């Protein structure tokens, strides 16, 4: 199983160390594709992501204040 990680770069060339992301309440789900936006009025990040589920994939929504822990 692969870990989903976060890295930051101020310039697109130099990157921070990888940090494992925490997705709850479904830590067993392995996210596949992400679409993340920052919502200034809420001071949080929102993500829509898909994950394998049986014959079809499922869509999930999560939000985060710190870009690491997602609920």
PDB file of N, CA and C in Angstrom:
ATOM      1  N   UNK A   1       0.843  -1.182   0.000  1.00  0.00           N
ATOM      2  CA  UNK A   1       0.000   0.000   0.000  1.00  0.00           C
ATOM      3  C   UNK A   1       0.884   1.240   0.000  1.00  0.00           C
ATOM      4  N   UNK A   2       0.470   2.257  -0.730  1.00  0.00           N
ATOM      5  CA  UNK A   2       1.229   3.487  -0.823  1.00  0.00           C
ATOM      6  C   UNK A   2       0.709   4.509   0.175  1.00  0.00           C
ATOM      7  N   UNK A   3       1.607   5.301   0.695  1.00  0.00           N
ATOM      8  CA  UNK A   3       1.214   6.395   1.575  1.00  0.00           C
ATOM      9  C   UNK A   3       0.900   7.618   0.735  1.00  0.00           C
ATOM     10  N   UNK A   4      -0.031   8.413   1.192  1.00  0.00           N
ATOM     11  CA  UNK A   4      -0.326   9.686   0.563  1.00  0.00           C
ATOM     12  C   UNK A   4       0.414  10.749   1.366  1.00  0.00           C
ATOM     13  N   UNK A   5       1.259  11.511   0.681  1.00  0.00           N
ATOM     14  CA  UNK A   5       2.144  12.453   1.371  1.00  0.00           C
ATOM     15  C   UNK A   5       1.927  13.877   0.883  1.00  0.00           C
ATOM     16  N   UNK A   6       2.359  14.799   1.710  1.00  0.00           N
ATOM     17  CA  UNK A   6       2.330  16.220   1.406  1.00  0.00           C
ATOM     18  C   UNK A   6       3.764  16.735   1.356  1.00  0.00           C
ATOM     19  N   UNK A   7       4.066  17.535   0.345  1.00  0.00           N
ATOM     20  CA  UNK A   7       5.350  18.224   0.242  1.00  0.00           C
ATOM     21  C   UNK A   7       5.060  19.658  -0.176  1.00  0.00           C
ATOM     22  N   UNK A   8       5.917  20.569   0.233  1.00  0.00           N
ATOM     23  CA  UNK A   8       5.743  21.979  -0.083  1.00  0.00           C
ATOM     24  C   UNK A   8       6.982  22.504  -0.782  1.00  0.00           C
ATOM     25  N   UNK A   9       6.765  23.373  -1.764  1.00  0.00           N
ATOM     26  CA  UNK A   9       7.880  24.027  -2.437  1.00  0.00           C
ATOM     27  C   UNK A   9       7.539  25.490  -2.670  1.00  0.00           C
ATOM     28  N   UNK A  10       8.400  26.396  -2.223  1.00  0.00           N
ATOM     29  CA  UNK A  10       8.153  27.813  -2.478  1.00  0.00           C
ATOM     30  C   UNK A  10       8.507  28.215  -3.913  1.00  0.00           C
ATOM     31  N   UNK A  11       9.286  27.368  -4.614  1.00  0.00           N
ATOM     32  CA  UNK A  11       9.775  27.750  -5.937  1.00  0.00           C
ATOM     33  C   UNK A  11       9.621  26.675  -7.014  1.00  0.00           C
ATOM     34  N   UNK A  12       9.087  25.511  -6.666  1.00  0.00           N
ATOM     35  CA  UNK A  12       8.913  24.442  -7.633  1.00  0.00           C
ATOM     36  C   UNK A  12      10.174  23.624  -7.879  1.00  0.00           C
ATOM     37  N   UNK A  13      11.247  23.955  -7.192  1.00  0.00           N
ATOM     38  CA  UNK A  13      12.506  23.220  -7.342  1.00  0.00           C
ATOM     39  C   UNK A  13      12.986  22.606  -6.030  1.00  0.00           C
ATOM     40  N   UNK A  14      12.841  23.306  -4.948  1.00  0.00           N
ATOM     41  CA  UNK A  14      13.271  22.832  -3.633  1.00  0.00           C
ATOM     42  C   UNK A  14      12.041  22.416  -2.843  1.00  0.00           C
ATOM     43  N   UNK A  15      12.047  21.157  -2.342  1.00  0.00           N
ATOM     44  CA  UNK A  15      10.865  20.588  -1.717  1.00  0.00           C
ATOM     45  C   UNK A  15      11.123  20.208  -0.276  1.00  0.00           C
ATOM     46  N   UNK A  16      10.091  20.331   0.551  1.00  0.00           N
ATOM     47  CA  UNK A  16      10.169  19.911   1.953  1.00  0.00           C
ATOM     48  C   UNK A  16      10.194  18.388   2.026  1.00  0.00           C
ATOM     49  N   UNK A  17      10.492  17.871   3.206  1.00  0.00           N
ATOM     50  CA  UNK A  17      10.405  16.433   3.436  1.00  0.00           C
ATOM     51  C   UNK A  17       8.944  16.006   3.336  1.00  0.00           C
ATOM     52  N   UNK A  18       8.711  14.785   2.908  1.00  0.00           N
ATOM     53  CA  UNK A  18       7.347  14.263   2.785  1.00  0.00           C
ATOM     54  C   UNK A  18       6.734  14.048   4.161  1.00  0.00           C
ATOM     55  N   UNK A  19       5.475  14.451   4.308  1.00  0.00           N
ATOM     56  CA  UNK A  19       4.706  14.211   5.532  1.00  0.00           C
ATOM     57  C   UNK A  19       3.495  13.376   5.157  1.00  0.00           C
ATOM     58  N   UNK A  20       3.261  12.280   5.883  1.00  0.00           N
ATOM     59  CA  UNK A  20       2.086  11.452   5.629  1.00  0.00           C
ATOM     60  C   UNK A  20       0.822  12.238   5.938  1.00  0.00           C
ATOM     61  N   UNK A  21      -0.165  12.136   5.053  1.00  0.00           N
ATOM     62  CA  UNK A  21      -1.460  12.764   5.293  1.00  0.00           C
ATOM     63  C   UNK A  21      -2.325  11.828   6.122  1.00  0.00           C
ATOM     64  N   UNK A  22      -3.191  12.409   6.914  1.00  0.00           N
ATOM     65  CA  UNK A  22      -4.095  11.647   7.776  1.00  0.00           C
ATOM     66  C   UNK A  22      -5.517  11.931   7.317  1.00  0.00           C
ATOM     67  N   UNK A  23      -6.190  10.886   6.847  1.00  0.00           N
ATOM     68  CA  UNK A  23      -7.577  11.011   6.414  1.00  0.00           C
ATOM     69  C   UNK A  23      -8.455  10.279   7.416  1.00  0.00           C
ATOM     70  N   UNK A  24      -9.345  10.998   8.078  1.00  0.00           N
ATOM     71  CA  UNK A  24     -10.280  10.367   9.000  1.00  0.00           C
ATOM     72  C   UNK A  24     -11.676  10.865   8.636  1.00  0.00           C
ATOM     73  N   UNK A  25     -12.708  10.103   8.828  1.00  0.00           N
ATOM     74  CA  UNK A  25     -12.776   8.867   9.597  1.00  0.00           C
ATOM     75  C   UNK A  25     -12.506   7.618   8.767  1.00  0.00           C
ATOM     76  N   UNK A  26     -11.907   7.749   7.587  1.00  0.00           N
ATOM     77  CA  UNK A  26     -11.669   6.587   6.720  1.00  0.00           C
ATOM     78  C   UNK A  26     -10.178   6.403   6.437  1.00  0.00           C
ATOM     79  N   UNK A  27      -9.375   6.048   7.429  1.00  0.00           N
ATOM     80  CA  UNK A  27      -7.938   5.920   7.191  1.00  0.00           C
ATOM     81  C   UNK A  27      -7.579   4.769   6.247  1.00  0.00           C
ATOM     82  N   UNK A  28      -8.493   3.811   6.057  1.00  0.00           N
ATOM     83  CA  UNK A  28      -8.187   2.673   5.186  1.00  0.00           C
ATOM     84  C   UNK A  28      -8.356   2.999   3.709  1.00  0.00           C
ATOM     85  N   UNK A  29      -8.963   4.127   3.386  1.00  0.00           N
ATOM     86  CA  UNK A  29      -9.181   4.517   1.999  1.00  0.00           C
ATOM     87  C   UNK A  29      -7.878   5.062   1.426  1.00  0.00           C
ATOM     88  N   UNK A  30      -7.536   4.589   0.242  1.00  0.00           N
ATOM     89  CA  UNK A  30      -6.345   5.066  -0.442  1.00  0.00           C
ATOM     90  C   UNK A  30      -6.772   6.074  -1.510  1.00  0.00           C
ATOM     91  N   UNK A  31      -6.662   7.363  -1.239  1.00  0.00           N
ATOM     92  CA  UNK A  31      -7.066   8.373  -2.220  1.00  0.00           C
ATOM     93  C   UNK A  31      -6.273   8.225  -3.525  1.00  0.00           C
ATOM     94  N   UNK A  32      -6.920   8.576  -4.614  1.00  0.00           N
ATOM     95  CA  UNK A  32      -6.294   8.415  -5.919  1.00  0.00           C
ATOM     96  C   UNK A  32      -6.029   9.780  -6.551  1.00  0.00           C
ATOM     97  N   UNK A  33      -7.050  10.501  -6.962  1.00  0.00           N
ATOM     98  CA  UNK A  33      -6.889  11.821  -7.576  1.00  0.00           C
ATOM     99  C   UNK A  33      -7.444  12.881  -6.635  1.00  0.00           C
ATOM    100  N   UNK A  34      -6.750  14.010  -6.549  1.00  0.00           N
ATOM    101  CA  UNK A  34      -7.137  15.091  -5.645  1.00  0.00           C
ATOM    102  C   UNK A  34      -7.465  16.360  -6.419  1.00  0.00           C
ATOM    103  N   UNK A  35      -8.394  17.129  -5.917  1.00  0.00           N
ATOM    104  CA  UNK A  35      -8.646  18.488  -6.377  1.00  0.00           C
ATOM    105  C   UNK A  35      -8.791  19.321  -5.104  1.00  0.00           C
ATOM    106  N   UNK A  36      -7.762  20.101  -4.779  1.00  0.00           N
ATOM    107  CA  UNK A  36      -7.709  20.848  -3.521  1.00  0.00           C
ATOM    108  C   UNK A  36      -7.833  22.343  -3.803  1.00  0.00           C
ATOM    109  N   UNK A  37      -8.633  23.010  -2.994  1.00  0.00           N
ATOM    110  CA  UNK A  37      -8.728  24.467  -3.055  1.00  0.00           C
ATOM    111  C   UNK A  37      -8.608  25.027  -1.638  1.00  0.00           C
ATOM    112  N   UNK A  38      -8.169  26.274  -1.550  1.00  0.00           N
ATOM    113  CA  UNK A  38      -8.158  26.984  -0.272  1.00  0.00           C
ATOM    114  C   UNK A  38      -9.390  27.868  -0.235  1.00  0.00           C
ATOM    115  N   UNK A  39     -10.141  27.805   0.867  1.00  0.00           N
ATOM    116  CA  UNK A  39     -11.362  28.590   1.032  1.00  0.00           C
ATOM    117  C   UNK A  39     -11.069  29.676   2.068  1.00  0.00           C
ATOM    118  N   UNK A  40     -10.722  30.892   1.612  1.00  0.00           N
ATOM    119  CA  UNK A  40     -10.303  31.948   2.539  1.00  0.00           C
ATOM    120  C   UNK A  40     -11.317  32.293   3.614  1.00  0.00           C
ATOM    121  N   UNK A  41     -12.595  32.341   3.273  1.00  0.00           N
ATOM    122  CA  UNK A  41     -13.613  32.723   4.253  1.00  0.00           C
ATOM    123  C   UNK A  41     -13.702  31.709   5.402  1.00  0.00           C
ATOM    124  N   UNK A  42     -13.287  30.460   5.153  1.00  0.00           N
ATOM    125  CA  UNK A  42     -13.285  29.415   6.175  1.00  0.00           C
ATOM    126  C   UNK A  42     -11.892  29.175   6.762  1.00  0.00           C
ATOM    127  N   UNK A  43     -10.866  29.747   6.142  1.00  0.00           N
ATOM    128  CA  UNK A  43      -9.473  29.507   6.534  1.00  0.00           C
ATOM    129  C   UNK A  43      -9.157  28.018   6.574  1.00  0.00           C
ATOM    130  N   UNK A  44      -9.623  27.302   5.535  1.00  0.00           N
ATOM    131  CA  UNK A  44      -9.359  25.875   5.456  1.00  0.00           C
ATOM    132  C   UNK A  44      -9.189  25.443   4.008  1.00  0.00           C
ATOM    133  N   UNK A  45      -8.609  24.268   3.867  1.00  0.00           N
ATOM    134  CA  UNK A  45      -8.441  23.636   2.572  1.00  0.00           C
ATOM    135  C   UNK A  45      -9.546  22.616   2.398  1.00  0.00           C
ATOM    136  N   UNK A  46     -10.094  22.543   1.197  1.00  0.00           N
ATOM    137  CA  UNK A  46     -11.121  21.564   0.876  1.00  0.00           C
ATOM    138  C   UNK A  46     -10.598  20.684  -0.245  1.00  0.00           C
ATOM    139  N   UNK A  47     -10.910  19.409  -0.163  1.00  0.00           N
ATOM    140  CA  UNK A  47     -10.469  18.481  -1.199  1.00  0.00           C
ATOM    141  C   UNK A  47     -11.621  17.578  -1.614  1.00  0.00           C
ATOM    142  N   UNK A  48     -11.694  17.315  -2.893  1.00  0.00           N
ATOM    143  CA  UNK A  48     -12.568  16.294  -3.444  1.00  0.00           C
ATOM    144  C   UNK A  48     -11.635  15.249  -4.038  1.00  0.00           C
ATOM    145  N   UNK A  49     -11.799  13.992  -3.624  1.00  0.00           N
ATOM    146  CA  UNK A  49     -10.909  12.951  -4.125  1.00  0.00           C
ATOM    147  C   UNK A  49     -11.682  11.671  -4.369  1.00  0.00           C
ATOM    148  N   UNK A  50     -11.126  10.862  -5.251  1.00  0.00           N
ATOM    149  CA  UNK A  50     -11.774   9.580  -5.500  1.00  0.00           C
ATOM    150  C   UNK A  50     -10.894   8.456  -4.972  1.00  0.00           C
ATOM    151  N   UNK A  51     -11.521   7.311  -4.758  1.00  0.00           N
ATOM    152  CA  UNK A  51     -10.826   6.137  -4.247  1.00  0.00           C
ATOM    153  C   UNK A  51     -11.525   4.899  -4.781  1.00  0.00           C
ATOM    154  N   UNK A  52     -10.770   3.841  -5.035  1.00  0.00           N
ATOM    155  CA  UNK A  52     -11.387   2.605  -5.529  1.00  0.00           C
ATOM    156  C   UNK A  52     -12.416   2.070  -4.534  1.00  0.00           C
ATOM    157  N   UNK A  53     -13.511   1.531  -5.078  1.00  0.00           N
ATOM    158  CA  UNK A  53     -14.557   0.957  -4.227  1.00  0.00           C
ATOM    159  C   UNK A  53     -15.350  -0.033  -5.072  1.00  0.00           C
ATOM    160  N   UNK A  54     -15.034  -1.324  -4.956  1.00  0.00           N
ATOM    161  CA  UNK A  54     -15.732  -2.334  -5.744  1.00  0.00           C
ATOM    162  C   UNK A  54     -15.460  -2.138  -7.226  1.00  0.00           C
ATOM    163  N   UNK A  55     -16.508  -2.244  -8.039  1.00  0.00           N
ATOM    164  CA  UNK A  55     -16.347  -2.079  -9.484  1.00  0.00           C
ATOM    165  C   UNK A  55     -16.180  -0.619  -9.875  1.00  0.00           C
ATOM    166  N   UNK A  56     -16.677   0.289  -9.057  1.00  0.00           N
ATOM    167  CA  UNK A  56     -16.631   1.714  -9.359  1.00  0.00           C
ATOM    168  C   UNK A  56     -15.850   2.436  -8.279  1.00  0.00           C
ATOM    169  N   UNK A  57     -15.455   3.646  -8.575  1.00  0.00           N
ATOM    170  CA  UNK A  57     -14.822   4.473  -7.560  1.00  0.00           C
ATOM    171  C   UNK A  57     -15.863   5.241  -6.779  1.00  0.00           C
ATOM    172  N   UNK A  58     -15.453   5.804  -5.689  1.00  0.00           N
ATOM    173  CA  UNK A  58     -16.330   6.637  -4.865  1.00  0.00           C
ATOM    174  C   UNK A  58     -15.679   7.994  -4.703  1.00  0.00           C
ATOM    175  N   UNK A  59     -16.486   9.043  -4.597  1.00  0.00           N
ATOM    176  CA  UNK A  59     -15.987  10.393  -4.353  1.00  0.00           C
ATOM    177  C   UNK A  59     -16.091  10.714  -2.874  1.00  0.00           C
ATOM    178  N   UNK A  60     -15.088  11.425  -2.369  1.00  0.00           N
ATOM    179  CA  UNK A  60     -15.046  11.820  -0.966  1.00  0.00           C
ATOM    180  C   UNK A  60     -14.703  13.296  -0.873  1.00  0.00           C
ATOM    181  N   UNK A  61     -15.208  13.932   0.176  1.00  0.00           N
ATOM    182  CA  UNK A  61     -14.898  15.316   0.474  1.00  0.00           C
ATOM    183  C   UNK A  61     -14.232  15.359   1.839  1.00  0.00           C
ATOM    184  N   UNK A  62     -13.207  16.180   1.967  1.00  0.00           N
ATOM    185  CA  UNK A  62     -12.564  16.367   3.267  1.00  0.00           C
ATOM    186  C   UNK A  62     -12.102  17.813   3.371  1.00  0.00           C
ATOM    187  N   UNK A  63     -11.830  18.242   4.609  1.00  0.00           N
ATOM    188  CA  UNK A  63     -11.322  19.599   4.823  1.00  0.00           C
ATOM    189  C   UNK A  63     -10.214  19.558   5.860  1.00  0.00           C
ATOM    190  N   UNK A  64      -9.356  20.586   5.819  1.00  0.00           N
ATOM    191  CA  UNK A  64      -8.191  20.616   6.694  1.00  0.00           C
ATOM    192  C   UNK A  64      -7.783  22.053   6.978  1.00  0.00           C
ATOM    193  N   UNK A  65      -7.314  22.287   8.183  1.00  0.00           N
ATOM    194  CA  UNK A  65      -6.752  23.592   8.545  1.00  0.00           C
ATOM    195  C   UNK A  65      -5.242  23.628   8.295  1.00  0.00           C
ATOM    196  N   UNK A  66      -4.601  22.440   8.372  1.00  0.00           N
ATOM    197  CA  UNK A  66      -3.140  22.393   8.325  1.00  0.00           C
ATOM    198  C   UNK A  66      -2.569  21.660   7.100  1.00  0.00           C
ATOM    199  N   UNK A  67      -3.409  21.178   6.197  1.00  0.00           N
ATOM    200  CA  UNK A  67      -3.032  20.442   4.989  1.00  0.00           C
ATOM    201  C   UNK A  67      -2.486  19.050   5.281  1.00  0.00           C
ATOM    202  N   UNK A  68      -2.499  18.610   6.528  1.00  0.00           N
ATOM    203  CA  UNK A  68      -1.993  17.289   6.890  1.00  0.00           C
ATOM    204  C   UNK A  68      -3.125  16.397   7.397  1.00  0.00           C
ATOM    205  N   UNK A  69      -3.900  16.892   8.349  1.00  0.00           N
ATOM    206  CA  UNK A  69      -5.001  16.130   8.928  1.00  0.00           C
ATOM    207  C   UNK A  69      -6.300  16.537   8.249  1.00  0.00           C
ATOM    208  N   UNK A  70      -6.962  15.565   7.631  1.00  0.00           N
ATOM    209  CA  UNK A  70      -8.186  15.801   6.863  1.00  0.00           C
ATOM    210  C   UNK A  70      -9.361  15.070   7.494  1.00  0.00           C
ATOM    211  N   UNK A  71     -10.487  15.762   7.608  1.00  0.00           N
ATOM    212  CA  UNK A  71     -11.701  15.132   8.144  1.00  0.00           C
ATOM    213  C   UNK A  71     -12.831  15.303   7.150  1.00  0.00           C
TER     214      UNK A  71
END
